[in-house]
Amino acid sequence: MSQLNLTLSPIGIIHSPYKEKFSVPRQPNLVQDGVGTIRLLPPYNQPEAVRGLEHFSHLWLIFQFDKVPVGKWQPTVRPPRLGGNQRIGVFASRATHRPNPLGLSKVELTGIEINKGQVLLHLGAIDLVDGTPIFDIKPYLAYADSEQNAKSSFAQHPPEAKLQVVFSPKAQTQLIKCGAKYPNFQRFITEVLQQDPRPAYHQASTSERIYGMRLYDFNIRWLVKNGAWVEVIDIEESE
């Protein structure tokens, strides 16, 4: 058997509001305002490379989990959807710690922009950290890629929103300042937090604890109370 060596080079880079993996939804389409853009890199940033792509509504993206340690894969993982305690095989999951750190994501294509040597693909709601390398783009084919009666084990249906979200008076005042640039910022923060981005082993805790995450150019801090609802206490612009 011949040995196969494959060297991959990014064809593009994702730009998204998620500045760290802690805040990223675990699948696309869970947070409607978490949209992104792919910027194609040279020599792939040619209009000819995306000719005809405008006739497709959705894309498959093959990307790298570049924020996880290399070589730290394990044969079993603990999916958050199973409470973080039950182990299943890594190949029965979409865990980030894999033998090869590659991910696959189906995203909506909302527009193509070609301007001054730049080729940008505007996307709908995504689940990718800002700066994620993209290795390939393939059009989604409805007749081949959609299976009406497919079985998806523990993830047959989208996760339910777990937490109620409220904003402190201070955070509400800070949201007003963000409104001109990010008119749906409150809804965006709310939907991210409703998915409960905390580690699975924290989600059963009823003790109060302050967490933080970065969205766009802001540091968001929130307090978890009684394990059922959160209060956004601070929205501070990053320096």
C-alpha atoms as a PDB file:
ATOM      1  CA  MET A   1       0.000   0.000   0.000  1.00  0.00           C
ATOM      2  CA  SER A   2       1.466   3.330  -0.997  1.00  0.00           C
ATOM      3  CA  GLN A   3       1.930   6.014   1.615  1.00  0.00           C
ATOM      4  CA  LEU A   4      -0.224   9.087   1.114  1.00  0.00           C
ATOM      5  CA  ASN A   5       1.076  12.485   2.136  1.00  0.00           C
ATOM      6  CA  LEU A   6      -1.175  15.483   1.689  1.00  0.00           C
ATOM      7  CA  THR A   7      -0.256  19.083   2.347  1.00  0.00           C
ATOM      8  CA  LEU A   8      -3.183  21.474   2.693  1.00  0.00           C
ATOM      9  CA  SER A   9      -3.052  25.227   2.155  1.00  0.00           C
ATOM     10  CA  PRO A  10      -5.929  27.531   3.067  1.00  0.00           C
ATOM     11  CA  ILE A  11      -7.891  28.949   0.166  1.00  0.00           C
ATOM     12  CA  GLY A  12      -9.623  31.492   2.374  1.00  0.00           C
ATOM     13  CA  ILE A  13     -10.114  32.905   5.846  1.00  0.00           C
ATOM     14  CA  ILE A  14     -13.342  33.306   7.797  1.00  0.00           C
ATOM     15  CA  HIS A  15     -14.275  36.649   9.320  1.00  0.00           C
ATOM     16  CA  SER A  16     -16.876  36.256  12.049  1.00  0.00           C
ATOM     17  CA  PRO A  17     -18.021  37.978  15.263  1.00  0.00           C
ATOM     18  CA  TYR A  18     -16.748  35.047  17.337  1.00  0.00           C
ATOM     19  CA  LYS A  19     -13.281  36.007  18.551  1.00  0.00           C
ATOM     20  CA  GLU A  20     -12.744  32.841  20.615  1.00  0.00           C
ATOM     21  CA  LYS A  21     -14.082  29.304  20.469  1.00  0.00           C
ATOM     22  CA  PHE A  22     -15.803  29.640  23.855  1.00  0.00           C
ATOM     23  CA  SER A  23     -18.672  31.659  22.371  1.00  0.00           C
ATOM     24  CA  VAL A  24     -19.141  29.775  19.088  1.00  0.00           C
ATOM     25  CA  PRO A  25     -22.478  27.948  18.620  1.00  0.00           C
ATOM     26  CA  ARG A  26     -22.014  24.208  18.344  1.00  0.00           C
ATOM     27  CA  GLN A  27     -23.697  24.159  14.936  1.00  0.00           C
ATOM     28  CA  PRO A  28     -24.587  26.791  12.302  1.00  0.00           C
ATOM     29  CA  ASN A  29     -28.069  28.362  12.159  1.00  0.00           C
ATOM     30  CA  LEU A  30     -28.494  28.441  15.953  1.00  0.00           C
ATOM     31  CA  VAL A  31     -27.729  32.177  16.254  1.00  0.00           C
ATOM     32  CA  GLN A  32     -29.301  34.159  13.425  1.00  0.00           C
ATOM     33  CA  ASP A  33     -27.095  37.246  13.749  1.00  0.00           C
ATOM     34  CA  GLY A  34     -23.823  35.289  13.894  1.00  0.00           C
ATOM     35  CA  VAL A  35     -23.096  35.776  10.212  1.00  0.00           C
ATOM     36  CA  GLY A  36     -19.689  35.694   8.553  1.00  0.00           C
ATOM     37  CA  THR A  37     -17.636  36.230   5.426  1.00  0.00           C
ATOM     38  CA  ILE A  38     -15.002  34.184   3.610  1.00  0.00           C
ATOM     39  CA  ARG A  39     -12.142  36.200   2.129  1.00  0.00           C
ATOM     40  CA  LEU A  40     -10.414  34.172  -0.564  1.00  0.00           C
ATOM     41  CA  LEU A  41      -6.626  34.226  -0.471  1.00  0.00           C
ATOM     42  CA  PRO A  42      -4.230  34.571  -3.427  1.00  0.00           C
ATOM     43  CA  PRO A  43      -4.033  32.913  -5.895  1.00  0.00           C
ATOM     44  CA  TYR A  44      -7.611  31.716  -5.340  1.00  0.00           C
ATOM     45  CA  ASN A  45      -9.130  35.214  -5.140  1.00  0.00           C
ATOM     46  CA  GLN A  46     -10.070  35.220  -8.798  1.00  0.00           C
ATOM     47  CA  PRO A  47     -13.609  35.911 -10.041  1.00  0.00           C
ATOM     48  CA  GLU A  48     -13.304  32.861 -12.293  1.00  0.00           C
ATOM     49  CA  ALA A  49     -12.945  30.599  -9.251  1.00  0.00           C
ATOM     50  CA  VAL A  50     -16.463  31.443  -8.031  1.00  0.00           C
ATOM     51  CA  ARG A  51     -18.166  31.705 -11.429  1.00  0.00           C
ATOM     52  CA  GLY A  52     -21.607  30.100 -11.164  1.00  0.00           C
ATOM     53  CA  LEU A  53     -21.518  29.874  -7.364  1.00  0.00           C
ATOM     54  CA  GLU A  54     -24.224  32.540  -7.126  1.00  0.00           C
ATOM     55  CA  HIS A  55     -26.735  29.943  -8.331  1.00  0.00           C
ATOM     56  CA  PHE A  56     -26.336  27.910  -5.137  1.00  0.00           C
ATOM     57  CA  SER A  57     -28.033  28.862  -1.876  1.00  0.00           C
ATOM     58  CA  HIS A  58     -25.825  26.848   0.478  1.00  0.00           C
ATOM     59  CA  LEU A  59     -22.221  25.675   0.697  1.00  0.00           C
ATOM     60  CA  TRP A  60     -20.164  23.029   2.406  1.00  0.00           C
ATOM     61  CA  LEU A  61     -17.025  24.401   4.072  1.00  0.00           C
ATOM     62  CA  ILE A  62     -14.051  22.222   4.936  1.00  0.00           C
ATOM     63  CA  PHE A  63     -12.017  23.999   7.601  1.00  0.00           C
ATOM     64  CA  GLN A  64      -9.349  23.542  10.247  1.00  0.00           C
ATOM     65  CA  PHE A  65      -9.939  23.486  13.998  1.00  0.00           C
ATOM     66  CA  ASP A  66      -6.926  25.734  14.414  1.00  0.00           C
ATOM     67  CA  LYS A  67      -7.673  26.705  18.027  1.00  0.00           C
ATOM     68  CA  VAL A  68      -7.228  23.226  19.497  1.00  0.00           C
ATOM     69  CA  PRO A  69      -3.871  21.650  20.441  1.00  0.00           C
ATOM     70  CA  VAL A  70      -2.339  19.518  17.698  1.00  0.00           C
ATOM     71  CA  GLY A  71      -2.138  15.788  18.384  1.00  0.00           C
ATOM     72  CA  LYS A  72      -4.456  15.838  21.415  1.00  0.00           C
ATOM     73  CA  TRP A  73      -7.129  13.548  19.984  1.00  0.00           C
ATOM     74  CA  GLN A  74      -8.699  10.690  21.956  1.00  0.00           C
ATOM     75  CA  PRO A  75     -10.712   7.676  20.730  1.00  0.00           C
ATOM     76  CA  THR A  76     -13.694   8.718  22.864  1.00  0.00           C
ATOM     77  CA  VAL A  77     -15.205  12.135  23.607  1.00  0.00           C
ATOM     78  CA  ARG A  78     -17.947  13.573  25.843  1.00  0.00           C
ATOM     79  CA  PRO A  79     -20.479  15.533  23.755  1.00  0.00           C
ATOM     80  CA  PRO A  80     -22.092  18.502  25.553  1.00  0.00           C
ATOM     81  CA  ARG A  81     -25.497  17.343  24.269  1.00  0.00           C
ATOM     82  CA  LEU A  82     -25.098  14.243  26.461  1.00  0.00           C
ATOM     83  CA  GLY A  83     -24.279  16.302  29.542  1.00  0.00           C
ATOM     84  CA  GLY A  84     -20.516  16.031  29.241  1.00  0.00           C
ATOM     85  CA  ASN A  85     -20.414  12.731  31.171  1.00  0.00           C
ATOM     86  CA  GLN A  86     -21.248  10.020  28.645  1.00  0.00           C
ATOM     87  CA  ARG A  87     -18.460   8.962  26.297  1.00  0.00           C
ATOM     88  CA  ILE A  88     -18.903   7.977  22.666  1.00  0.00           C
ATOM     89  CA  GLY A  89     -16.440   7.325  19.857  1.00  0.00           C
ATOM     90  CA  VAL A  90     -14.801  10.370  18.328  1.00  0.00           C
ATOM     91  CA  PHE A  91     -16.072   9.336  14.899  1.00  0.00           C
ATOM     92  CA  ALA A  92     -19.649   9.279  16.261  1.00  0.00           C
ATOM     93  CA  SER A  93     -19.314  12.953  17.162  1.00  0.00           C
ATOM     94  CA  ARG A  94     -18.395  16.336  15.749  1.00  0.00           C
ATOM     95  CA  ALA A  95     -15.873  17.009  18.493  1.00  0.00           C
ATOM     96  CA  THR A  96     -13.013  19.376  17.713  1.00  0.00           C
ATOM     97  CA  HIS A  97     -10.272  17.070  19.073  1.00  0.00           C
ATOM     98  CA  ARG A  98      -9.860  14.725  16.118  1.00  0.00           C
ATOM     99  CA  PRO A  99      -6.974  12.743  14.572  1.00  0.00           C
ATOM    100  CA  ASN A 100      -6.948  15.305  11.763  1.00  0.00           C
ATOM    101  CA  PRO A 101      -8.288  18.692  12.917  1.00  0.00           C
ATOM    102  CA  LEU A 102     -10.775  19.110  10.063  1.00  0.00           C
ATOM    103  CA  GLY A 103     -14.361  20.307  10.314  1.00  0.00           C
ATOM    104  CA  LEU A 104     -17.319  20.377   7.940  1.00  0.00           C
ATOM    105  CA  SER A 105     -20.039  23.016   8.057  1.00  0.00           C
ATOM    106  CA  LYS A 106     -23.110  23.699   5.913  1.00  0.00           C
ATOM    107  CA  VAL A 107     -23.740  27.426   5.562  1.00  0.00           C
ATOM    108  CA  GLU A 108     -26.024  29.708   3.623  1.00  0.00           C
ATOM    109  CA  LEU A 109     -24.489  31.793   0.840  1.00  0.00           C
ATOM    110  CA  THR A 110     -26.110  35.233   0.954  1.00  0.00           C
ATOM    111  CA  GLY A 111     -23.940  37.077  -1.559  1.00  0.00           C
ATOM    112  CA  ILE A 112     -20.710  37.305  -3.517  1.00  0.00           C
ATOM    113  CA  GLU A 113     -18.679  40.512  -3.563  1.00  0.00           C
ATOM    114  CA  ILE A 114     -15.852  41.146  -6.025  1.00  0.00           C
ATOM    115  CA  ASN A 115     -14.092  44.448  -5.497  1.00  0.00           C
ATOM    116  CA  LYS A 116     -10.524  45.715  -5.959  1.00  0.00           C
ATOM    117  CA  GLY A 117      -8.940  42.282  -6.165  1.00  0.00           C
ATOM    118  CA  GLN A 118     -10.951  40.923  -3.268  1.00  0.00           C
ATOM    119  CA  VAL A 119     -13.381  38.026  -3.552  1.00  0.00           C
ATOM    120  CA  LEU A 120     -15.716  37.829  -0.563  1.00  0.00           C
ATOM    121  CA  LEU A 121     -18.400  35.230   0.078  1.00  0.00           C
ATOM    122  CA  HIS A 122     -21.044  36.530   2.464  1.00  0.00           C
ATOM    123  CA  LEU A 123     -22.602  33.830   4.612  1.00  0.00           C
ATOM    124  CA  GLY A 124     -25.584  33.357   6.889  1.00  0.00           C
ATOM    125  CA  ALA A 125     -25.323  32.079  10.465  1.00  0.00           C
ATOM    126  CA  ILE A 126     -22.067  30.196  11.000  1.00  0.00           C
ATOM    127  CA  ASP A 127     -20.269  28.258  13.740  1.00  0.00           C
ATOM    128  CA  LEU A 128     -16.680  29.318  13.047  1.00  0.00           C
ATOM    129  CA  VAL A 129     -14.148  31.343  14.998  1.00  0.00           C
ATOM    130  CA  ASP A 130     -12.825  34.524  13.405  1.00  0.00           C
ATOM    131  CA  GLY A 131      -9.701  33.709  11.388  1.00  0.00           C
ATOM    132  CA  THR A 132     -10.538  30.043  10.786  1.00  0.00           C
ATOM    133  CA  PRO A 133      -8.661  28.670   7.725  1.00  0.00           C
ATOM    134  CA  ILE A 134     -10.901  27.350   4.940  1.00  0.00           C
ATOM    135  CA  PHE A 135      -9.460  24.498   2.876  1.00  0.00           C
ATOM    136  CA  ASP A 136     -12.271  23.907   0.403  1.00  0.00           C
ATOM    137  CA  ILE A 137     -15.711  25.120  -0.646  1.00  0.00           C
ATOM    138  CA  LYS A 138     -18.273  22.848  -2.285  1.00  0.00           C
ATOM    139  CA  PRO A 139     -21.832  23.640  -3.368  1.00  0.00           C
ATOM    140  CA  TYR A 140     -24.630  22.012  -1.385  1.00  0.00           C
ATOM    141  CA  LEU A 141     -26.761  19.721  -3.588  1.00  0.00           C
ATOM    142  CA  ALA A 142     -30.278  19.311  -2.225  1.00  0.00           C
ATOM    143  CA  TYR A 143     -31.020  16.017  -3.996  1.00  0.00           C
ATOM    144  CA  ALA A 144     -27.820  14.347  -2.807  1.00  0.00           C
ATOM    145  CA  ASP A 145     -27.063  16.021   0.532  1.00  0.00           C
ATOM    146  CA  SER A 146     -30.519  16.013   2.145  1.00  0.00           C
ATOM    147  CA  GLU A 147     -31.960  12.835   3.654  1.00  0.00           C
ATOM    148  CA  GLN A 148     -35.507  13.326   4.916  1.00  0.00           C
ATOM    149  CA  ASN A 149     -35.535  10.207   7.103  1.00  0.00           C
ATOM    150  CA  ALA A 150     -31.950  10.352   8.325  1.00  0.00           C
ATOM    151  CA  LYS A 151     -31.197   9.282  11.907  1.00  0.00           C
ATOM    152  CA  SER A 152     -28.954  11.540  13.993  1.00  0.00           C
ATOM    153  CA  SER A 153     -28.676   9.675  17.300  1.00  0.00           C
ATOM    154  CA  PHE A 154     -28.530  12.072  20.272  1.00  0.00           C
ATOM    155  CA  ALA A 155     -28.694  15.137  17.978  1.00  0.00           C
ATOM    156  CA  GLN A 156     -31.831  14.403  15.994  1.00  0.00           C
ATOM    157  CA  HIS A 157     -33.247  17.861  16.762  1.00  0.00           C
ATOM    158  CA  PRO A 158     -31.732  21.310  17.407  1.00  0.00           C
ATOM    159  CA  PRO A 159     -30.835  21.973  21.052  1.00  0.00           C
ATOM    160  CA  GLU A 160     -33.401  23.862  23.059  1.00  0.00           C
ATOM    161  CA  ALA A 161     -32.557  27.278  24.465  1.00  0.00           C
ATOM    162  CA  LYS A 162     -31.413  26.442  27.997  1.00  0.00           C
ATOM    163  CA  LEU A 163     -31.118  29.804  29.716  1.00  0.00           C
ATOM    164  CA  GLN A 164     -33.189  32.924  30.174  1.00  0.00           C
ATOM    165  CA  VAL A 165     -31.188  36.082  29.521  1.00  0.00           C
ATOM    166  CA  VAL A 166     -31.648  39.544  31.036  1.00  0.00           C
ATOM    167  CA  PHE A 167     -29.510  42.686  30.825  1.00  0.00           C
ATOM    168  CA  SER A 168     -28.453  44.838  33.748  1.00  0.00           C
ATOM    169  CA  PRO A 169     -29.188  48.598  33.602  1.00  0.00           C
ATOM    170  CA  LYS A 170     -25.499  49.182  32.911  1.00  0.00           C
ATOM    171  CA  ALA A 171     -25.497  46.693  30.026  1.00  0.00           C
ATOM    172  CA  GLN A 172     -28.660  48.216  28.568  1.00  0.00           C
ATOM    173  CA  THR A 173     -27.004  51.633  28.540  1.00  0.00           C
ATOM    174  CA  GLN A 174     -23.933  50.162  26.841  1.00  0.00           C
ATOM    175  CA  LEU A 175     -26.152  48.507  24.207  1.00  0.00           C
ATOM    176  CA  ILE A 176     -27.478  51.911  23.174  1.00  0.00           C
ATOM    177  CA  LYS A 177     -23.942  52.948  22.235  1.00  0.00           C
ATOM    178  CA  CYS A 178     -23.533  49.787  20.140  1.00  0.00           C
ATOM    179  CA  GLY A 179     -26.821  50.259  18.304  1.00  0.00           C
ATOM    180  CA  ALA A 180     -25.570  52.316  15.375  1.00  0.00           C
ATOM    181  CA  LYS A 181     -22.967  49.732  14.350  1.00  0.00           C
ATOM    182  CA  TYR A 182     -24.676  46.554  15.555  1.00  0.00           C
ATOM    183  CA  PRO A 183     -28.456  47.176  15.584  1.00  0.00           C
ATOM    184  CA  ASN A 184     -29.307  43.588  16.613  1.00  0.00           C
ATOM    185  CA  PHE A 185     -26.526  43.215  19.164  1.00  0.00           C
ATOM    186  CA  GLN A 186     -28.852  42.508  22.098  1.00  0.00           C
ATOM    187  CA  ARG A 187     -30.597  39.742  20.183  1.00  0.00           C
ATOM    188  CA  PHE A 188     -27.219  38.359  19.115  1.00  0.00           C
ATOM    189  CA  ILE A 189     -25.866  38.224  22.674  1.00  0.00           C
ATOM    190  CA  THR A 190     -29.136  36.725  23.907  1.00  0.00           C
ATOM    191  CA  GLU A 191     -29.144  33.879  21.375  1.00  0.00           C
ATOM    192  CA  VAL A 192     -25.497  33.050  22.028  1.00  0.00           C
ATOM    193  CA  LEU A 193     -26.096  32.837  25.777  1.00  0.00           C
ATOM    194  CA  GLN A 194     -29.374  30.920  25.444  1.00  0.00           C
ATOM    195  CA  GLN A 195     -27.333  28.068  23.957  1.00  0.00           C
ATOM    196  CA  ASP A 196     -25.281  27.997  27.187  1.00  0.00           C
ATOM    197  CA  PRO A 197     -21.674  28.152  25.934  1.00  0.00           C
ATOM    198  CA  ARG A 198     -20.316  27.032  29.303  1.00  0.00           C
ATOM    199  CA  PRO A 199     -18.450  23.707  29.507  1.00  0.00           C
ATOM    200  CA  ALA A 200     -20.889  20.836  30.001  1.00  0.00           C
ATOM    201  CA  TYR A 201     -19.514  20.073  33.460  1.00  0.00           C
ATOM    202  CA  HIS A 202     -20.461  23.612  34.570  1.00  0.00           C
ATOM    203  CA  GLN A 203     -24.022  23.480  33.279  1.00  0.00           C
ATOM    204  CA  ALA A 204     -25.414  21.436  36.162  1.00  0.00           C
ATOM    205  CA  SER A 205     -24.048  23.844  38.769  1.00  0.00           C
ATOM    206  CA  THR A 206     -26.475  26.132  40.622  1.00  0.00           C
ATOM    207  CA  SER A 207     -23.779  28.363  42.125  1.00  0.00           C
ATOM    208  CA  GLU A 208     -23.360  31.913  40.869  1.00  0.00           C
ATOM    209  CA  ARG A 209     -20.362  32.510  38.650  1.00  0.00           C
ATOM    210  CA  ILE A 210     -19.213  35.247  36.284  1.00  0.00           C
ATOM    211  CA  TYR A 211     -18.135  34.295  32.759  1.00  0.00           C
ATOM    212  CA  GLY A 212     -16.771  36.301  29.846  1.00  0.00           C
ATOM    213  CA  MET A 213     -16.523  36.076  26.068  1.00  0.00           C
ATOM    214  CA  ARG A 214     -15.558  38.250  23.108  1.00  0.00           C
ATOM    215  CA  LEU A 215     -18.060  39.115  20.389  1.00  0.00           C
ATOM    216  CA  TYR A 216     -17.049  41.538  17.662  1.00  0.00           C
ATOM    217  CA  ASP A 217     -14.950  44.190  19.424  1.00  0.00           C
ATOM    218  CA  PHE A 218     -16.562  43.763  22.821  1.00  0.00           C
ATOM    219  CA  ASN A 219     -15.871  41.838  26.006  1.00  0.00           C
ATOM    220  CA  ILE A 220     -19.159  40.495  27.367  1.00  0.00           C
ATOM    221  CA  ARG A 221     -19.434  39.510  31.032  1.00  0.00           C
ATOM    222  CA  TRP A 222     -22.430  37.698  32.456  1.00  0.00           C
ATOM    223  CA  LEU A 223     -23.523  36.161  35.734  1.00  0.00           C
ATOM    224  CA  VAL A 224     -25.193  32.744  35.883  1.00  0.00           C
ATOM    225  CA  LYS A 225     -27.865  32.488  38.567  1.00  0.00           C
ATOM    226  CA  ASN A 226     -29.528  29.298  39.840  1.00  0.00           C
ATOM    227  CA  GLY A 227     -28.339  27.480  36.752  1.00  0.00           C
ATOM    228  CA  ALA A 228     -31.422  28.648  34.852  1.00  0.00           C
ATOM    229  CA  TRP A 229     -30.910  32.274  33.828  1.00  0.00           C
ATOM    230  CA  VAL A 230     -28.116  34.742  33.230  1.00  0.00           C
ATOM    231  CA  GLU A 231     -27.678  38.458  33.652  1.00  0.00           C
ATOM    232  CA  VAL A 232     -25.440  40.325  31.237  1.00  0.00           C
ATOM    233  CA  ILE A 233     -23.617  42.719  33.537  1.00  0.00           C
ATOM    234  CA  ASP A 234     -21.069  44.422  31.285  1.00  0.00           C
ATOM    235  CA  ILE A 235     -20.457  45.094  27.585  1.00  0.00           C
ATOM    236  CA  GLU A 236     -17.062  46.706  27.305  1.00  0.00           C
ATOM    237  CA  GLU A 237     -15.332  47.657  24.076  1.00  0.00           C
ATOM    238  CA  SER A 238     -11.959  45.951  23.631  1.00  0.00           C
ATOM    239  CA  GLU A 239      -8.880  48.132  23.585  1.00  0.00           C
END
